[in-house]
PDB file of all heavy atoms in Angstrom:
ATOM      1  N   ARG A   1       0.813  -1.207   0.022  1.00  0.00           N
ATOM      2  CA  ARG A   1       0.053  -0.003   0.006  1.00  0.00           C
ATOM      3  C   ARG A   1       0.849   1.228   0.041  1.00  0.00           C
ATOM      4  O   ARG A   1       0.595   2.279  -0.678  1.00  0.00           O
ATOM      5  CB  ARG A   1      -0.902  -0.021   1.247  1.00  0.00           C
ATOM      6  CG  ARG A   1      -2.061  -1.034   1.068  1.00  0.00           C
ATOM      7  CD  ARG A   1      -2.851  -1.096   2.356  1.00  0.00           C
ATOM      8  NE  ARG A   1      -4.057  -1.903   2.221  1.00  0.00           N
ATOM      9  CZ  ARG A   1      -4.800  -2.393   3.277  1.00  0.00           C
ATOM     10  NH1 ARG A   1      -4.398  -2.131   4.501  1.00  0.00           N
ATOM     11  NH2 ARG A   1      -5.924  -3.124   3.010  1.00  0.00           N
ATOM     12  N   ARG A   2       1.948   1.209   0.760  1.00  0.00           N
ATOM     13  CA  ARG A   2       2.814   2.442   0.818  1.00  0.00           C
ATOM     14  C   ARG A   2       3.490   2.646  -0.506  1.00  0.00           C
ATOM     15  O   ARG A   2       3.591   3.817  -0.988  1.00  0.00           O
ATOM     16  CB  ARG A   2       3.886   2.183   1.907  1.00  0.00           C
ATOM     17  CG  ARG A   2       3.347   2.305   3.340  1.00  0.00           C
ATOM     18  CD  ARG A   2       4.464   2.200   4.344  1.00  0.00           C
ATOM     19  NE  ARG A   2       5.302   3.499   4.252  1.00  0.00           N
ATOM     20  CZ  ARG A   2       6.625   3.469   4.353  1.00  0.00           C
ATOM     21  NH1 ARG A   2       7.323   2.291   4.395  1.00  0.00           N
ATOM     22  NH2 ARG A   2       7.305   4.628   4.191  1.00  0.00           N
ATOM     23  N   LEU A   3       3.990   1.580  -1.141  1.00  0.00           N
ATOM     24  CA  LEU A   3       4.625   1.744  -2.385  1.00  0.00           C
ATOM     25  C   LEU A   3       3.670   2.249  -3.527  1.00  0.00           C
ATOM     26  O   LEU A   3       4.061   3.098  -4.299  1.00  0.00           O
ATOM     27  CB  LEU A   3       5.216   0.373  -2.837  1.00  0.00           C
ATOM     28  CG  LEU A   3       6.444  -0.096  -2.062  1.00  0.00           C
ATOM     29  CD1 LEU A   3       6.757  -1.579  -2.356  1.00  0.00           C
ATOM     30  CD2 LEU A   3       7.685   0.789  -2.361  1.00  0.00           C
ATOM     31  N   ILE A   4       2.475   1.738  -3.510  1.00  0.00           N
ATOM     32  CA  ILE A   4       1.527   2.114  -4.509  1.00  0.00           C
ATOM     33  C   ILE A   4       1.122   3.568  -4.309  1.00  0.00           C
ATOM     34  O   ILE A   4       1.023   4.357  -5.223  1.00  0.00           O
ATOM     35  CB  ILE A   4       0.259   1.214  -4.547  1.00  0.00           C
ATOM     36  CG1 ILE A   4       0.690  -0.167  -5.125  1.00  0.00           C
ATOM     37  CG2 ILE A   4      -0.866   1.830  -5.385  1.00  0.00           C
ATOM     38  CD1 ILE A   4      -0.500  -1.134  -5.070  1.00  0.00           C
ATOM     39  N   ALA A   5       0.928   3.953  -3.027  1.00  0.00           N
ATOM     40  CA  ALA A   5       0.528   5.354  -2.710  1.00  0.00           C
ATOM     41  C   ALA A   5       1.719   6.278  -3.125  1.00  0.00           C
ATOM     42  O   ALA A   5       1.490   7.367  -3.747  1.00  0.00           O
ATOM     43  CB  ALA A   5       0.230   5.503  -1.303  1.00  0.00           C
ATOM     44  N   LEU A   6       2.883   5.889  -2.899  1.00  0.00           N
ATOM     45  CA  LEU A   6       4.059   6.693  -3.283  1.00  0.00           C
ATOM     46  C   LEU A   6       4.152   6.788  -4.755  1.00  0.00           C
ATOM     47  O   LEU A   6       4.389   7.921  -5.285  1.00  0.00           O
ATOM     48  CB  LEU A   6       5.342   6.103  -2.714  1.00  0.00           C
ATOM     49  CG  LEU A   6       6.652   6.739  -3.056  1.00  0.00           C
ATOM     50  CD1 LEU A   6       6.671   8.079  -2.473  1.00  0.00           C
ATOM     51  CD2 LEU A   6       7.857   5.900  -2.596  1.00  0.00           C
ATOM     52  N   ARG A   7       3.955   5.706  -5.492  1.00  0.00           N
ATOM     53  CA  ARG A   7       4.020   5.775  -6.909  1.00  0.00           C
ATOM     54  C   ARG A   7       2.963   6.709  -7.521  1.00  0.00           C
ATOM     55  O   ARG A   7       3.185   7.455  -8.414  1.00  0.00           O
ATOM     56  CB  ARG A   7       3.846   4.331  -7.411  1.00  0.00           C
ATOM     57  CG  ARG A   7       3.969   4.271  -8.987  1.00  0.00           C
ATOM     58  CD  ARG A   7       3.635   2.780  -9.541  1.00  0.00           C
ATOM     59  NE  ARG A   7       3.825   2.904 -10.963  1.00  0.00           N
ATOM     60  CZ  ARG A   7       4.928   2.616 -11.643  1.00  0.00           C
ATOM     61  NH1 ARG A   7       6.011   2.306 -10.915  1.00  0.00           N
ATOM     62  NH2 ARG A   7       5.001   2.600 -12.943  1.00  0.00           N
ATOM     63  N   ARG A   8       1.729   6.535  -7.013  1.00  0.00           N
ATOM     64  CA  ARG A   8       0.674   7.386  -7.492  1.00  0.00           C
ATOM     65  C   ARG A   8       0.879   8.873  -7.182  1.00  0.00           C
ATOM     66  O   ARG A   8       0.352   9.701  -7.995  1.00  0.00           O
ATOM     67  CB  ARG A   8      -0.654   6.893  -6.973  1.00  0.00           C
ATOM     68  CG  ARG A   8      -1.013   5.512  -7.401  1.00  0.00           C
ATOM     69  CD  ARG A   8      -2.334   5.050  -7.025  1.00  0.00           C
ATOM     70  NE  ARG A   8      -3.486   5.752  -7.695  1.00  0.00           N
ATOM     71  CZ  ARG A   8      -4.762   5.361  -7.673  1.00  0.00           C
ATOM     72  NH1 ARG A   8      -5.143   4.317  -7.050  1.00  0.00           N
ATOM     73  NH2 ARG A   8      -5.604   6.125  -8.285  1.00  0.00           N
ATOM     74  N   ALA A   9       1.644   9.194  -6.180  1.00  0.00           N
ATOM     75  CA  ALA A   9       1.847  10.522  -5.757  1.00  0.00           C
ATOM     76  C   ALA A   9       3.095  11.191  -6.396  1.00  0.00           C
ATOM     77  O   ALA A   9       3.329  12.292  -6.289  1.00  0.00           O
ATOM     78  CB  ALA A   9       1.981  10.665  -4.221  1.00  0.00           C
ATOM     79  N   SER A  10       3.888  10.348  -7.115  1.00  0.00           N
ATOM     80  CA  SER A  10       5.213  10.734  -7.529  1.00  0.00           C
ATOM     81  C   SER A  10       5.334  10.559  -9.063  1.00  0.00           C
ATOM     82  O   SER A  10       5.660   9.478  -9.529  1.00  0.00           O
ATOM     83  CB  SER A  10       6.301   9.956  -6.893  1.00  0.00           C
ATOM     84  OG  SER A  10       6.073  10.039  -5.480  1.00  0.00           O
ATOM     85  N   PRO A  11       5.109  11.669  -9.840  1.00  0.00           N
ATOM     86  CA  PRO A  11       5.246  11.573 -11.334  1.00  0.00           C
ATOM     87  C   PRO A  11       6.682  11.056 -11.728  1.00  0.00           C
ATOM     88  O   PRO A  11       6.781  10.413 -12.789  1.00  0.00           O
ATOM     89  CB  PRO A  11       5.038  13.029 -11.725  1.00  0.00           C
ATOM     90  CG  PRO A  11       4.302  13.629 -10.598  1.00  0.00           C
ATOM     91  CD  PRO A  11       4.724  13.032  -9.361  1.00  0.00           C
ATOM     92  N   VAL A  12       7.656  11.382 -10.972  1.00  0.00           N
ATOM     93  CA  VAL A  12       9.057  10.897 -11.389  1.00  0.00           C
ATOM     94  C   VAL A  12       9.172   9.408 -11.408  1.00  0.00           C
ATOM     95  O   VAL A  12      10.034   8.837 -12.081  1.00  0.00           O
ATOM     96  CB  VAL A  12      10.111  11.548 -10.446  1.00  0.00           C
ATOM     97  CG1 VAL A  12      10.103  10.794  -9.092  1.00  0.00           C
ATOM     98  CG2 VAL A  12      11.468  11.403 -11.069  1.00  0.00           C
ATOM     99  N   LEU A  13       8.263   8.685 -10.743  1.00  0.00           N
ATOM    100  CA  LEU A  13       8.311   7.243 -10.670  1.00  0.00           C
ATOM    101  C   LEU A  13       7.391   6.581 -11.789  1.00  0.00           C
ATOM    102  O   LEU A  13       7.425   5.338 -11.882  1.00  0.00           O
ATOM    103  CB  LEU A  13       7.823   6.698  -9.334  1.00  0.00           C
ATOM    104  CG  LEU A  13       8.688   7.133  -8.126  1.00  0.00           C
ATOM    105  CD1 LEU A  13       8.094   6.646  -6.786  1.00  0.00           C
ATOM    106  CD2 LEU A  13      10.139   6.640  -8.250  1.00  0.00           C
ATOM    107  N   ARG A  14       6.630   7.408 -12.546  1.00  0.00           N
ATOM    108  CA  ARG A  14       5.824   6.813 -13.565  1.00  0.00           C
ATOM    109  C   ARG A  14       5.838   7.741 -14.847  1.00  0.00           C
ATOM    110  O   ARG A  14       4.779   8.253 -15.243  1.00  0.00           O
ATOM    111  CB  ARG A  14       4.378   6.675 -13.047  1.00  0.00           C
ATOM    112  CG  ARG A  14       3.893   7.802 -12.274  1.00  0.00           C
ATOM    113  CD  ARG A  14       2.486   7.579 -11.619  1.00  0.00           C
ATOM    114  NE  ARG A  14       2.166   8.697 -10.782  1.00  0.00           N
ATOM    115  CZ  ARG A  14       1.620   9.843 -11.173  1.00  0.00           C
ATOM    116  NH1 ARG A  14       1.399  10.063 -12.480  1.00  0.00           N
ATOM    117  NH2 ARG A  14       1.305  10.767 -10.303  1.00  0.00           N
ATOM    118  N   GLN A  15       7.023   7.943 -15.350  1.00  0.00           N
ATOM    119  CA  GLN A  15       7.135   8.897 -16.386  1.00  0.00           C
ATOM    120  C   GLN A  15       6.642   8.357 -17.702  1.00  0.00           C
ATOM    121  O   GLN A  15       6.795   7.210 -18.046  1.00  0.00           O
ATOM    122  CB  GLN A  15       8.651   9.291 -16.479  1.00  0.00           C
ATOM    123  CG  GLN A  15       9.196   9.969 -15.267  1.00  0.00           C
ATOM    124  CD  GLN A  15      10.386  10.781 -15.545  1.00  0.00           C
ATOM    125  OE1 GLN A  15      10.490  11.517 -16.545  1.00  0.00           O
ATOM    126  NE2 GLN A  15      11.403  10.773 -14.622  1.00  0.00           N
ATOM    127  N   ARG A  16       6.165   9.268 -18.594  1.00  0.00           N
ATOM    128  CA  ARG A  16       5.741   8.965 -19.905  1.00  0.00           C
ATOM    129  C   ARG A  16       6.911   8.769 -20.854  1.00  0.00           C
ATOM    130  O   ARG A  16       6.836   8.151 -21.915  1.00  0.00           O
ATOM    131  CB  ARG A  16       4.701  10.040 -20.470  1.00  0.00           C
ATOM    132  CG  ARG A  16       3.357   9.907 -19.908  1.00  0.00           C
ATOM    133  CD  ARG A  16       2.517  10.978 -20.506  1.00  0.00           C
ATOM    134  NE  ARG A  16       2.550  10.982 -22.010  1.00  0.00           N
ATOM    135  CZ  ARG A  16       1.832  10.239 -22.838  1.00  0.00           C
ATOM    136  NH1 ARG A  16       0.925   9.368 -22.254  1.00  0.00           N
ATOM    137  NH2 ARG A  16       1.889  10.287 -24.099  1.00  0.00           N
ATOM    138  N   ALA A  17       7.958   9.650 -20.641  1.00  0.00           N
ATOM    139  CA  ALA A  17       9.027   9.680 -21.608  1.00  0.00           C
ATOM    140  C   ALA A  17      10.227   8.861 -21.064  1.00  0.00           C
ATOM    141  O   ALA A  17      10.481   8.676 -19.837  1.00  0.00           O
ATOM    142  CB  ALA A  17       9.493  11.171 -21.816  1.00  0.00           C
ATOM    143  N   PHE A  18      11.063   8.321 -22.031  1.00  0.00           N
ATOM    144  CA  PHE A  18      12.203   7.684 -21.588  1.00  0.00           C
ATOM    145  C   PHE A  18      13.274   8.655 -21.065  1.00  0.00           C
ATOM    146  O   PHE A  18      13.371   9.824 -21.546  1.00  0.00           O
ATOM    147  CB  PHE A  18      12.815   6.913 -22.767  1.00  0.00           C
ATOM    148  CG  PHE A  18      12.102   5.638 -23.178  1.00  0.00           C
ATOM    149  CD1 PHE A  18      11.299   5.599 -24.296  1.00  0.00           C
ATOM    150  CD2 PHE A  18      12.147   4.526 -22.316  1.00  0.00           C
ATOM    151  CE1 PHE A  18      10.627   4.453 -24.637  1.00  0.00           C
ATOM    152  CE2 PHE A  18      11.437   3.375 -22.612  1.00  0.00           C
ATOM    153  CZ  PHE A  18      10.696   3.335 -23.780  1.00  0.00           C
ATOM    154  N   PHE A  19      13.999   8.178 -20.105  1.00  0.00           N
ATOM    155  CA  PHE A  19      15.112   9.070 -19.582  1.00  0.00           C
ATOM    156  C   PHE A  19      16.157   9.254 -20.682  1.00  0.00           C
ATOM    157  O   PHE A  19      16.385   8.407 -21.555  1.00  0.00           O
ATOM    158  CB  PHE A  19      15.743   8.323 -18.307  1.00  0.00           C
ATOM    159  CG  PHE A  19      14.823   8.153 -17.213  1.00  0.00           C
ATOM    160  CD1 PHE A  19      14.141   6.962 -16.952  1.00  0.00           C
ATOM    161  CD2 PHE A  19      14.593   9.278 -16.364  1.00  0.00           C
ATOM    162  CE1 PHE A  19      13.304   6.778 -15.950  1.00  0.00           C
ATOM    163  CE2 PHE A  19      13.739   9.110 -15.281  1.00  0.00           C
ATOM    164  CZ  PHE A  19      13.066   7.830 -15.014  1.00  0.00           C
ATOM    165  N   GLU A  20      16.951  10.340 -20.560  1.00  0.00           N
ATOM    166  CA  GLU A  20      17.978  10.671 -21.550  1.00  0.00           C
ATOM    167  C   GLU A  20      19.320  10.630 -20.941  1.00  0.00           C
ATOM    168  O   GLU A  20      20.329  10.565 -21.661  1.00  0.00           O
ATOM    169  CB  GLU A  20      17.715  12.012 -22.146  1.00  0.00           C
ATOM    170  CG  GLU A  20      16.336  12.131 -22.927  1.00  0.00           C
ATOM    171  CD  GLU A  20      16.139  13.494 -23.529  1.00  0.00           C
ATOM    172  OE1 GLU A  20      17.029  14.401 -23.253  1.00  0.00           O
ATOM    173  OE2 GLU A  20      15.147  13.658 -24.206  1.00  0.00           O
ATOM    174  N   GLY A  21      19.494  10.531 -19.598  1.00  0.00           N
ATOM    175  CA  GLY A  21      20.733  10.492 -19.012  1.00  0.00           C
ATOM    176  C   GLY A  21      21.606  11.657 -19.255  1.00  0.00           C
ATOM    177  O   GLY A  21      22.872  11.594 -19.282  1.00  0.00           O
ATOM    178  N   ARG A  22      21.070  12.879 -19.448  1.00  0.00           N
ATOM    179  CA  ARG A  22      21.844  14.080 -19.696  1.00  0.00           C
ATOM    180  C   ARG A  22      21.368  15.130 -18.755  1.00  0.00           C
ATOM    181  O   ARG A  22      20.277  15.060 -18.113  1.00  0.00           O
ATOM    182  CB  ARG A  22      21.625  14.451 -21.114  1.00  0.00           C
ATOM    183  CG  ARG A  22      20.272  14.862 -21.511  1.00  0.00           C
ATOM    184  CD  ARG A  22      20.153  15.401 -22.923  1.00  0.00           C
ATOM    185  NE  ARG A  22      18.794  15.734 -23.341  1.00  0.00           N
ATOM    186  CZ  ARG A  22      18.212  16.848 -22.986  1.00  0.00           C
ATOM    187  NH1 ARG A  22      18.795  17.771 -22.309  1.00  0.00           N
ATOM    188  NH2 ARG A  22      16.943  17.060 -23.502  1.00  0.00           N
ATOM    189  N   ALA A  23      22.106  16.138 -18.622  1.00  0.00           N
ATOM    190  CA  ALA A  23      21.804  17.267 -17.715  1.00  0.00           C
ATOM    191  C   ALA A  23      20.528  17.887 -18.143  1.00  0.00           C
ATOM    192  O   ALA A  23      20.314  18.291 -19.377  1.00  0.00           O
ATOM    193  CB  ALA A  23      22.976  18.238 -17.727  1.00  0.00           C
ATOM    194  N   VAL A  24      19.580  18.135 -17.171  1.00  0.00           N
ATOM    195  CA  VAL A  24      18.372  18.828 -17.486  1.00  0.00           C
ATOM    196  C   VAL A  24      18.185  20.015 -16.628  1.00  0.00           C
ATOM    197  O   VAL A  24      17.105  20.641 -16.614  1.00  0.00           O
ATOM    198  CB  VAL A  24      17.155  17.822 -17.303  1.00  0.00           C
ATOM    199  CG1 VAL A  24      17.208  16.740 -18.380  1.00  0.00           C
ATOM    200  CG2 VAL A  24      17.157  17.261 -15.965  1.00  0.00           C
ATOM    201  N   ASN A  25      19.112  20.257 -15.765  1.00  0.00           N
ATOM    202  CA  ASN A  25      19.034  21.372 -14.855  1.00  0.00           C
ATOM    203  C   ASN A  25      20.337  22.195 -14.875  1.00  0.00           C
ATOM    204  O   ASN A  25      21.420  21.697 -15.295  1.00  0.00           O
ATOM    205  CB  ASN A  25      18.771  20.901 -13.443  1.00  0.00           C
ATOM    206  CG  ASN A  25      17.405  20.296 -13.241  1.00  0.00           C
ATOM    207  OD1 ASN A  25      16.424  20.937 -13.269  1.00  0.00           O
ATOM    208  ND2 ASN A  25      17.389  18.937 -13.141  1.00  0.00           N
ATOM    209  N   ALA A  26      20.227  23.502 -14.569  1.00  0.00           N
ATOM    210  CA  ALA A  26      21.358  24.425 -14.609  1.00  0.00           C
ATOM    211  C   ALA A  26      22.575  23.865 -13.754  1.00  0.00           C
ATOM    212  O   ALA A  26      23.725  24.194 -14.045  1.00  0.00           O
ATOM    213  CB  ALA A  26      20.957  25.804 -14.251  1.00  0.00           C
ATOM    214  N   ASP A  27      22.222  23.177 -12.656  1.00  0.00           N
ATOM    215  CA  ASP A  27      23.412  22.691 -11.785  1.00  0.00           C
ATOM    216  C   ASP A  27      24.026  21.482 -12.342  1.00  0.00           C
ATOM    217  O   ASP A  27      24.921  20.924 -11.693  1.00  0.00           O
ATOM    218  CB  ASP A  27      22.792  22.409 -10.349  1.00  0.00           C
ATOM    219  CG  ASP A  27      21.655  21.385 -10.437  1.00  0.00           C
ATOM    220  OD1 ASP A  27      21.444  20.677 -11.418  1.00  0.00           O
ATOM    221  OD2 ASP A  27      20.981  21.231  -9.355  1.00  0.00           O
ATOM    222  N   GLY A  28      23.625  21.012 -13.571  1.00  0.00           N
ATOM    223  CA  GLY A  28      24.304  19.825 -14.214  1.00  0.00           C
ATOM    224  C   GLY A  28      23.742  18.455 -13.808  1.00  0.00           C
ATOM    225  O   GLY A  28      24.277  17.445 -14.263  1.00  0.00           O
ATOM    226  N   CYS A  29      22.759  18.416 -12.935  1.00  0.00           N
ATOM    227  CA  CYS A  29      22.103  17.141 -12.598  1.00  0.00           C
ATOM    228  C   CYS A  29      21.436  16.511 -13.827  1.00  0.00           C
ATOM    229  O   CYS A  29      20.654  17.262 -14.544  1.00  0.00           O
ATOM    230  CB  CYS A  29      21.113  17.338 -11.443  1.00  0.00           C
ATOM    231  SG  CYS A  29      21.895  17.523  -9.850  1.00  0.00           S
ATOM    232  N   LYS A  30      21.517  15.221 -13.988  1.00  0.00           N
ATOM    233  CA  LYS A  30      20.964  14.468 -15.041  1.00  0.00           C
ATOM    234  C   LYS A  30      19.544  14.069 -14.569  1.00  0.00           C
ATOM    235  O   LYS A  30      19.303  13.967 -13.472  1.00  0.00           O
ATOM    236  CB  LYS A  30      21.769  13.356 -15.487  1.00  0.00           C
ATOM    237  CG  LYS A  30      23.202  13.631 -15.902  1.00  0.00           C
ATOM    238  CD  LYS A  30      23.974  12.387 -16.103  1.00  0.00           C
ATOM    239  CE  LYS A  30      25.421  12.663 -16.463  1.00  0.00           C
ATOM    240  NZ  LYS A  30      26.261  11.465 -16.636  1.00  0.00           N
ATOM    241  N   ASP A  31      18.680  13.761 -15.667  1.00  0.00           N
ATOM    242  CA  ASP A  31      17.421  13.304 -15.284  1.00  0.00           C
ATOM    243  C   ASP A  31      17.521  11.866 -14.724  1.00  0.00           C
ATOM    244  O   ASP A  31      16.769  11.428 -13.899  1.00  0.00           O
ATOM    245  CB  ASP A  31      16.451  13.278 -16.505  1.00  0.00           C
ATOM    246  CG  ASP A  31      16.956  12.391 -17.636  1.00  0.00           C
ATOM    247  OD1 ASP A  31      18.132  12.051 -17.699  1.00  0.00           O
ATOM    248  OD2 ASP A  31      16.134  12.075 -18.499  1.00  0.00           O
ATOM    249  N   LEU A  32      18.595  11.148 -15.119  1.00  0.00           N
ATOM    250  CA  LEU A  32      18.876   9.829 -14.606  1.00  0.00           C
ATOM    251  C   LEU A  32      20.328   9.617 -14.491  1.00  0.00           C
ATOM    252  O   LEU A  32      21.145   9.957 -15.375  1.00  0.00           O
ATOM    253  CB  LEU A  32      18.279   8.780 -15.634  1.00  0.00           C
ATOM    254  CG  LEU A  32      18.727   7.344 -15.401  1.00  0.00           C
ATOM    255  CD1 LEU A  32      18.032   6.728 -14.199  1.00  0.00           C
ATOM    256  CD2 LEU A  32      18.303   6.523 -16.624  1.00  0.00           C
ATOM    257  N   ALA A  33      20.756   9.165 -13.402  1.00  0.00           N
ATOM    258  CA  ALA A  33      22.184   8.879 -13.109  1.00  0.00           C
ATOM    259  C   ALA A  33      22.353   7.630 -12.318  1.00  0.00           C
ATOM    260  O   ALA A  33      21.496   7.243 -11.502  1.00  0.00           O
ATOM    261  CB  ALA A  33      22.895   9.995 -12.449  1.00  0.00           C
ATOM    262  N   TRP A  34      23.471   6.937 -12.543  1.00  0.00           N
ATOM    263  CA  TRP A  34      23.710   5.638 -12.005  1.00  0.00           C
ATOM    264  C   TRP A  34      25.020   5.730 -11.156  1.00  0.00           C
ATOM    265  O   TRP A  34      26.060   6.276 -11.593  1.00  0.00           O
ATOM    266  CB  TRP A  34      23.986   4.538 -12.992  1.00  0.00           C
ATOM    267  CG  TRP A  34      22.707   4.388 -13.968  1.00  0.00           C
ATOM    268  CD1 TRP A  34      22.536   4.858 -15.164  1.00  0.00           C
ATOM    269  CD2 TRP A  34      21.524   3.642 -13.593  1.00  0.00           C
ATOM    270  NE1 TRP A  34      21.420   4.531 -15.691  1.00  0.00           N
ATOM    271  CE2 TRP A  34      20.705   3.779 -14.754  1.00  0.00           C
ATOM    272  CE3 TRP A  34      21.044   2.889 -12.565  1.00  0.00           C
ATOM    273  CZ2 TRP A  34      19.484   3.226 -14.830  1.00  0.00           C
ATOM    274  CZ3 TRP A  34      19.833   2.317 -12.602  1.00  0.00           C
ATOM    275  CH2 TRP A  34      18.998   2.522 -13.684  1.00  0.00           C
ATOM    276  N   PHE A  35      24.936   5.202  -9.912  1.00  0.00           N
ATOM    277  CA  PHE A  35      26.049   5.333  -8.983  1.00  0.00           C
ATOM    278  C   PHE A  35      26.535   4.073  -8.477  1.00  0.00           C
ATOM    279  O   PHE A  35      25.816   3.087  -8.193  1.00  0.00           O
ATOM    280  CB  PHE A  35      25.625   6.279  -7.766  1.00  0.00           C
ATOM    281  CG  PHE A  35      25.471   7.676  -8.103  1.00  0.00           C
ATOM    282  CD1 PHE A  35      24.249   8.236  -8.585  1.00  0.00           C
ATOM    283  CD2 PHE A  35      26.532   8.539  -8.130  1.00  0.00           C
ATOM    284  CE1 PHE A  35      24.086   9.550  -8.888  1.00  0.00           C
ATOM    285  CE2 PHE A  35      26.421   9.879  -8.501  1.00  0.00           C
ATOM    286  CZ  PHE A  35      25.226  10.361  -8.889  1.00  0.00           C
TER     287      PHE A  35
END
């Protein structure tokens, strides 16, 4: 229940577009990064 509620409340967890793995913000953060 917690996971589903979090998913439904969080657009970043259910995106329509594929990630691009490139900087999308002025601070250089990527939309998707792997650590």
